[in-house]
Amino acid sequence: MPDELEATVTYAEAQDAFVVRVGGDIDHESAPQLEEALDLARRVGAARTVVDLSGTLFADSSILHVLLEAQRAHRACGTFMVVCGPFREIVRRLFDVTGTEGFFVLTDSVRAAMTVPDPTVGR
């Protein structure tokens, strides 16, 4: 598999956020990497988690399942989670076709994700 298609999940703390970057092709084999990173993000206790999907070339229902579960877990512990792009067509279509885009706060960039107000508290 060419390197650009290989799934990558990296993370770092930035400002008052935990940023998880996803690259390459994410499917049922690589989704556990994202699940681990998002679990760590929740446990770290930053005010918000930013999931950057701008480098995601392919995504199937596995990534959606991980994101939905992470969103539920983040909400349960009071942490704001934002999913950002810019999204490739296949990723945008995954949200559109499944009708799940309203379950997430979606932005077009990491910069926007860092500043979008949390609708539950207005900050």
N, C-alpha and C. Protein backbone atom coordinates (compact mmCIF):
# COMPACT_ATOMS: atom_id res chain seq x y z
N MET A 1 0.85 -1.18 0.00
CA MET A 1 0.00 0.00 0.00
C MET A 1 0.89 1.24 0.00
N PRO A 2 0.66 2.18 -0.91
CA PRO A 2 1.45 3.41 -0.93
C PRO A 2 1.31 4.17 0.39
N ASP A 3 2.38 4.89 0.76
CA ASP A 3 2.39 5.60 2.04
C ASP A 3 1.25 6.59 2.21
N GLU A 4 0.84 7.31 1.12
CA GLU A 4 -0.20 8.31 1.28
C GLU A 4 -1.55 7.69 1.60
N LEU A 5 -1.73 6.39 1.33
CA LEU A 5 -2.98 5.73 1.64
C LEU A 5 -2.97 5.07 3.02
N GLU A 6 -1.80 4.90 3.57
CA GLU A 6 -1.70 4.27 4.88
C GLU A 6 -2.37 5.16 5.93
N ALA A 7 -3.13 4.55 6.78
CA ALA A 7 -3.83 5.29 7.83
C ALA A 7 -2.83 5.86 8.83
N THR A 8 -3.04 7.12 9.17
CA THR A 8 -2.23 7.74 10.21
C THR A 8 -3.16 8.47 11.17
N VAL A 9 -2.87 8.35 12.44
CA VAL A 9 -3.60 9.08 13.46
C VAL A 9 -2.55 9.65 14.39
N THR A 10 -2.48 10.97 14.45
CA THR A 10 -1.54 11.64 15.33
C THR A 10 -2.33 12.59 16.24
N TYR A 11 -1.72 13.00 17.31
CA TYR A 11 -2.41 13.91 18.22
C TYR A 11 -1.41 14.77 18.96
N ALA A 12 -1.88 15.91 19.42
CA ALA A 12 -1.07 16.85 20.19
C ALA A 12 -2.00 17.79 20.94
N GLU A 13 -1.48 18.34 22.01
CA GLU A 13 -2.24 19.37 22.73
C GLU A 13 -1.86 20.72 22.16
N ALA A 14 -2.85 21.58 21.95
CA ALA A 14 -2.63 22.91 21.41
C ALA A 14 -3.62 23.85 22.07
N GLN A 15 -3.12 24.93 22.64
CA GLN A 15 -3.94 25.87 23.39
C GLN A 15 -4.71 25.08 24.44
N ASP A 16 -6.03 25.21 24.45
CA ASP A 16 -6.83 24.47 25.42
C ASP A 16 -7.58 23.34 24.72
N ALA A 17 -6.91 22.72 23.73
CA ALA A 17 -7.56 21.67 22.94
C ALA A 17 -6.63 20.49 22.75
N PHE A 18 -7.22 19.36 22.47
CA PHE A 18 -6.50 18.15 22.11
C PHE A 18 -6.85 17.91 20.64
N VAL A 19 -5.86 17.98 19.76
CA VAL A 19 -6.09 17.89 18.32
C VAL A 19 -5.68 16.52 17.82
N VAL A 20 -6.62 15.82 17.20
CA VAL A 20 -6.37 14.50 16.61
C VAL A 20 -6.43 14.66 15.10
N ARG A 21 -5.32 14.31 14.42
CA ARG A 21 -5.26 14.42 12.95
C ARG A 21 -5.33 13.03 12.33
N VAL A 22 -6.21 12.88 11.36
CA VAL A 22 -6.43 11.59 10.70
C VAL A 22 -6.04 11.73 9.24
N GLY A 23 -5.20 10.81 8.76
CA GLY A 23 -4.77 10.87 7.37
C GLY A 23 -4.87 9.51 6.70
N GLY A 24 -4.89 9.54 5.37
CA GLY A 24 -4.92 8.30 4.60
C GLY A 24 -6.30 7.67 4.58
N ASP A 25 -6.28 6.35 4.45
CA ASP A 25 -7.52 5.57 4.36
C ASP A 25 -7.87 4.99 5.72
N ILE A 26 -9.02 5.36 6.25
CA ILE A 26 -9.47 4.84 7.53
C ILE A 26 -10.61 3.86 7.27
N ASP A 27 -10.41 2.62 7.72
CA ASP A 27 -11.43 1.59 7.56
C ASP A 27 -11.47 0.75 8.83
N HIS A 28 -12.12 -0.40 8.77
CA HIS A 28 -12.30 -1.21 9.98
C HIS A 28 -10.97 -1.68 10.58
N GLU A 29 -9.93 -1.79 9.78
CA GLU A 29 -8.63 -2.22 10.32
C GLU A 29 -7.89 -1.10 11.04
N SER A 30 -8.07 0.13 10.58
CA SER A 30 -7.33 1.25 11.17
C SER A 30 -8.18 2.10 12.12
N ALA A 31 -9.48 1.91 12.14
CA ALA A 31 -10.35 2.70 13.01
C ALA A 31 -9.97 2.59 14.49
N PRO A 32 -9.46 1.44 14.97
CA PRO A 32 -9.06 1.38 16.38
C PRO A 32 -7.98 2.40 16.76
N GLN A 33 -7.14 2.80 15.82
CA GLN A 33 -6.15 3.85 16.10
C GLN A 33 -6.84 5.16 16.46
N LEU A 34 -7.86 5.49 15.69
CA LEU A 34 -8.62 6.70 15.96
C LEU A 34 -9.38 6.58 17.28
N GLU A 35 -9.95 5.43 17.52
CA GLU A 35 -10.68 5.20 18.76
C GLU A 35 -9.77 5.40 19.98
N GLU A 36 -8.55 4.88 19.92
CA GLU A 36 -7.59 5.05 21.03
C GLU A 36 -7.23 6.52 21.23
N ALA A 37 -6.99 7.24 20.14
CA ALA A 37 -6.63 8.65 20.25
C ALA A 37 -7.78 9.47 20.84
N LEU A 38 -9.01 9.18 20.43
CA LEU A 38 -10.15 9.93 20.95
C LEU A 38 -10.45 9.58 22.40
N ASP A 39 -10.18 8.36 22.79
CA ASP A 39 -10.33 7.98 24.19
C ASP A 39 -9.30 8.73 25.03
N LEU A 40 -8.07 8.80 24.54
CA LEU A 40 -7.03 9.56 25.24
C LEU A 40 -7.42 11.03 25.32
N ALA A 41 -7.92 11.58 24.24
CA ALA A 41 -8.34 12.98 24.22
C ALA A 41 -9.35 13.26 25.33
N ARG A 42 -10.31 12.37 25.47
CA ARG A 42 -11.34 12.55 26.51
C ARG A 42 -10.72 12.47 27.90
N ARG A 43 -9.80 11.54 28.09
CA ARG A 43 -9.18 11.36 29.41
C ARG A 43 -8.22 12.47 29.79
N VAL A 44 -7.62 13.14 28.80
CA VAL A 44 -6.67 14.22 29.08
C VAL A 44 -7.36 15.39 29.76
N GLY A 45 -8.62 15.62 29.38
CA GLY A 45 -9.39 16.66 30.06
C GLY A 45 -9.28 18.05 29.47
N ALA A 46 -8.84 18.18 28.22
CA ALA A 46 -8.82 19.49 27.57
C ALA A 46 -10.26 19.97 27.40
N ALA A 47 -10.44 21.25 27.25
CA ALA A 47 -11.79 21.81 27.11
C ALA A 47 -12.47 21.36 25.82
N ARG A 48 -11.68 21.08 24.78
CA ARG A 48 -12.25 20.62 23.52
C ARG A 48 -11.32 19.65 22.83
N THR A 49 -11.93 18.78 22.05
CA THR A 49 -11.20 17.87 21.18
C THR A 49 -11.51 18.26 19.75
N VAL A 50 -10.47 18.42 18.95
CA VAL A 50 -10.62 18.75 17.54
C VAL A 50 -10.17 17.53 16.74
N VAL A 51 -11.05 17.02 15.88
CA VAL A 51 -10.74 15.88 15.02
C VAL A 51 -10.57 16.42 13.61
N ASP A 52 -9.33 16.45 13.13
CA ASP A 52 -8.99 16.99 11.82
C ASP A 52 -9.02 15.88 10.78
N LEU A 53 -10.03 15.90 9.92
CA LEU A 53 -10.17 14.90 8.87
C LEU A 53 -9.69 15.42 7.51
N SER A 54 -9.00 16.54 7.48
CA SER A 54 -8.60 17.13 6.20
C SER A 54 -7.65 16.23 5.41
N GLY A 55 -6.90 15.37 6.07
CA GLY A 55 -5.99 14.46 5.39
C GLY A 55 -6.57 13.08 5.14
N THR A 56 -7.86 12.91 5.44
CA THR A 56 -8.50 11.61 5.27
C THR A 56 -8.89 11.43 3.81
N LEU A 57 -8.31 10.41 3.18
CA LEU A 57 -8.55 10.15 1.76
C LEU A 57 -9.74 9.23 1.54
N PHE A 58 -9.97 8.33 2.48
CA PHE A 58 -11.09 7.39 2.39
C PHE A 58 -11.59 7.13 3.79
N ALA A 59 -12.89 7.03 3.93
CA ALA A 59 -13.50 6.73 5.22
C ALA A 59 -14.75 5.91 4.97
N ASP A 60 -14.93 4.88 5.79
CA ASP A 60 -16.15 4.08 5.68
C ASP A 60 -16.93 4.18 6.98
N SER A 61 -17.91 3.33 7.14
CA SER A 61 -18.77 3.41 8.33
C SER A 61 -17.99 3.17 9.62
N SER A 62 -16.82 2.56 9.53
CA SER A 62 -16.01 2.33 10.73
C SER A 62 -15.62 3.64 11.40
N ILE A 63 -15.20 4.61 10.61
CA ILE A 63 -14.80 5.90 11.18
C ILE A 63 -16.03 6.60 11.76
N LEU A 64 -17.15 6.48 11.08
CA LEU A 64 -18.38 7.10 11.57
C LEU A 64 -18.77 6.52 12.91
N HIS A 65 -18.69 5.21 13.05
CA HIS A 65 -19.01 4.55 14.32
C HIS A 65 -18.10 5.07 15.43
N VAL A 66 -16.80 5.18 15.15
CA VAL A 66 -15.85 5.67 16.16
C VAL A 66 -16.18 7.11 16.53
N LEU A 67 -16.47 7.95 15.55
CA LEU A 67 -16.79 9.35 15.83
C LEU A 67 -18.08 9.49 16.64
N LEU A 68 -19.08 8.71 16.31
CA LEU A 68 -20.34 8.77 17.06
C LEU A 68 -20.14 8.35 18.51
N GLU A 69 -19.42 7.26 18.73
CA GLU A 69 -19.15 6.80 20.10
C GLU A 69 -18.32 7.83 20.86
N ALA A 70 -17.33 8.41 20.20
CA ALA A 70 -16.49 9.42 20.85
C ALA A 70 -17.31 10.65 21.20
N GLN A 71 -18.20 11.05 20.31
CA GLN A 71 -19.05 12.21 20.57
C GLN A 71 -19.91 11.96 21.81
N ARG A 72 -20.50 10.78 21.89
CA ARG A 72 -21.32 10.44 23.07
C ARG A 72 -20.47 10.48 24.35
N ALA A 73 -19.29 9.89 24.30
CA ALA A 73 -18.41 9.86 25.48
C ALA A 73 -17.95 11.27 25.86
N HIS A 74 -17.62 12.09 24.88
CA HIS A 74 -17.20 13.46 25.16
C HIS A 74 -18.35 14.25 25.80
N ARG A 75 -19.54 14.12 25.24
CA ARG A 75 -20.69 14.83 25.81
C ARG A 75 -20.96 14.38 27.24
N ALA A 76 -20.83 13.09 27.49
CA ALA A 76 -21.10 12.55 28.83
C ALA A 76 -20.16 13.13 29.88
N CYS A 77 -18.94 13.45 29.47
CA CYS A 77 -17.99 14.01 30.46
C CYS A 77 -17.84 15.52 30.31
N GLY A 78 -18.67 16.15 29.47
CA GLY A 78 -18.67 17.60 29.36
C GLY A 78 -17.57 18.18 28.50
N THR A 79 -17.00 17.40 27.61
CA THR A 79 -15.95 17.89 26.72
C THR A 79 -16.54 18.15 25.34
N PHE A 80 -16.19 19.27 24.76
CA PHE A 80 -16.68 19.68 23.45
C PHE A 80 -15.82 19.04 22.36
N MET A 81 -16.46 18.39 21.39
CA MET A 81 -15.74 17.76 20.29
C MET A 81 -16.18 18.40 18.97
N VAL A 82 -15.20 18.78 18.15
CA VAL A 82 -15.44 19.41 16.86
C VAL A 82 -14.73 18.56 15.80
N VAL A 83 -15.41 18.32 14.69
CA VAL A 83 -14.82 17.59 13.57
C VAL A 83 -14.61 18.59 12.45
N CYS A 84 -13.38 18.61 11.90
CA CYS A 84 -13.09 19.62 10.89
C CYS A 84 -12.43 19.06 9.65
N GLY A 85 -12.48 19.85 8.59
CA GLY A 85 -11.87 19.54 7.31
C GLY A 85 -10.88 20.64 6.96
N PRO A 86 -10.77 20.97 5.69
CA PRO A 86 -11.76 20.73 4.65
C PRO A 86 -11.92 19.25 4.36
N PHE A 87 -13.17 18.87 4.11
CA PHE A 87 -13.51 17.47 3.91
C PHE A 87 -13.43 17.10 2.43
N ARG A 88 -12.82 15.97 2.17
CA ARG A 88 -12.87 15.42 0.82
C ARG A 88 -14.31 14.94 0.56
N GLU A 89 -14.67 14.83 -0.69
CA GLU A 89 -16.04 14.47 -1.08
C GLU A 89 -16.51 13.18 -0.40
N ILE A 90 -15.65 12.18 -0.33
CA ILE A 90 -16.06 10.89 0.24
C ILE A 90 -16.39 11.00 1.73
N VAL A 91 -15.67 11.87 2.43
CA VAL A 91 -15.93 12.07 3.86
C VAL A 91 -17.22 12.87 4.04
N ARG A 92 -17.38 13.94 3.28
CA ARG A 92 -18.59 14.76 3.37
C ARG A 92 -19.82 13.91 3.04
N ARG A 93 -19.68 13.07 2.03
CA ARG A 93 -20.79 12.21 1.61
C ARG A 93 -21.18 11.22 2.71
N LEU A 94 -20.21 10.73 3.46
CA LEU A 94 -20.48 9.80 4.56
C LEU A 94 -21.42 10.44 5.58
N PHE A 95 -21.15 11.70 5.93
CA PHE A 95 -22.02 12.42 6.86
C PHE A 95 -23.40 12.68 6.24
N ASP A 96 -23.39 13.09 4.97
CA ASP A 96 -24.65 13.42 4.29
C ASP A 96 -25.56 12.20 4.14
N VAL A 97 -25.02 11.11 3.61
CA VAL A 97 -25.82 9.92 3.32
C VAL A 97 -26.38 9.29 4.59
N THR A 98 -25.61 9.34 5.67
CA THR A 98 -26.06 8.72 6.91
C THR A 98 -26.91 9.66 7.76
N GLY A 99 -26.96 10.93 7.39
CA GLY A 99 -27.76 11.90 8.14
C GLY A 99 -27.18 12.22 9.50
N THR A 100 -25.88 12.03 9.66
CA THR A 100 -25.25 12.24 10.97
C THR A 100 -24.57 13.60 11.12
N GLU A 101 -24.56 14.40 10.08
CA GLU A 101 -23.84 15.67 10.18
C GLU A 101 -24.39 16.55 11.31
N GLY A 102 -25.66 16.46 11.60
CA GLY A 102 -26.24 17.26 12.67
C GLY A 102 -25.86 16.80 14.07
N PHE A 103 -25.28 15.63 14.17
CA PHE A 103 -24.85 15.11 15.47
C PHE A 103 -23.50 15.70 15.88
N PHE A 104 -22.79 16.29 14.91
CA PHE A 104 -21.46 16.84 15.15
C PHE A 104 -21.44 18.34 14.90
N VAL A 105 -20.49 19.00 15.51
CA VAL A 105 -20.16 20.36 15.11
C VAL A 105 -19.07 20.19 14.06
N LEU A 106 -19.36 20.63 12.83
CA LEU A 106 -18.43 20.49 11.72
C LEU A 106 -17.93 21.87 11.32
N THR A 107 -16.61 21.99 11.10
CA THR A 107 -16.03 23.24 10.60
C THR A 107 -15.11 22.91 9.43
N ASP A 108 -14.70 23.95 8.71
CA ASP A 108 -13.87 23.76 7.53
C ASP A 108 -12.37 23.82 7.78
N SER A 109 -11.96 24.07 9.03
CA SER A 109 -10.52 24.16 9.30
C SER A 109 -10.26 23.96 10.79
N VAL A 110 -9.01 23.65 11.09
CA VAL A 110 -8.61 23.53 12.49
C VAL A 110 -8.76 24.88 13.18
N ARG A 111 -8.40 25.94 12.48
CA ARG A 111 -8.51 27.29 13.06
C ARG A 111 -9.95 27.57 13.49
N ALA A 112 -10.90 27.26 12.61
CA ALA A 112 -12.31 27.48 12.94
C ALA A 112 -12.74 26.57 14.09
N ALA A 113 -12.24 25.34 14.10
CA ALA A 113 -12.59 24.38 15.16
C ALA A 113 -12.09 24.85 16.53
N MET A 114 -10.99 25.57 16.53
CA MET A 114 -10.42 26.04 17.80
C MET A 114 -11.22 27.20 18.39
N THR A 115 -12.00 27.87 17.55
CA THR A 115 -12.69 29.08 18.03
C THR A 115 -14.22 28.98 18.00
N VAL A 116 -14.77 27.94 17.34
CA VAL A 116 -16.22 27.83 17.28
C VAL A 116 -16.77 27.68 18.70
N PRO A 117 -17.82 28.41 19.03
CA PRO A 117 -18.36 28.31 20.39
C PRO A 117 -19.01 26.94 20.65
N ASP A 118 -18.84 26.49 21.85
CA ASP A 118 -19.50 25.26 22.30
C ASP A 118 -20.97 25.61 22.49
N PRO A 119 -21.86 24.97 21.72
CA PRO A 119 -23.28 25.33 21.82
C PRO A 119 -23.91 25.02 23.17
N THR A 120 -23.28 24.18 23.96
CA THR A 120 -23.85 23.84 25.26
C THR A 120 -23.53 24.90 26.31
N VAL A 121 -22.46 25.66 26.11
CA VAL A 121 -22.09 26.68 27.09
C VAL A 121 -21.86 28.05 26.49
N GLY A 122 -21.87 28.15 25.15
CA GLY A 122 -21.69 29.44 24.50
C GLY A 122 -20.27 29.94 24.48
N ARG A 123 -19.29 29.04 24.68
CA ARG A 123 -17.88 29.51 24.57
C ARG A 123 -17.08 28.58 23.72
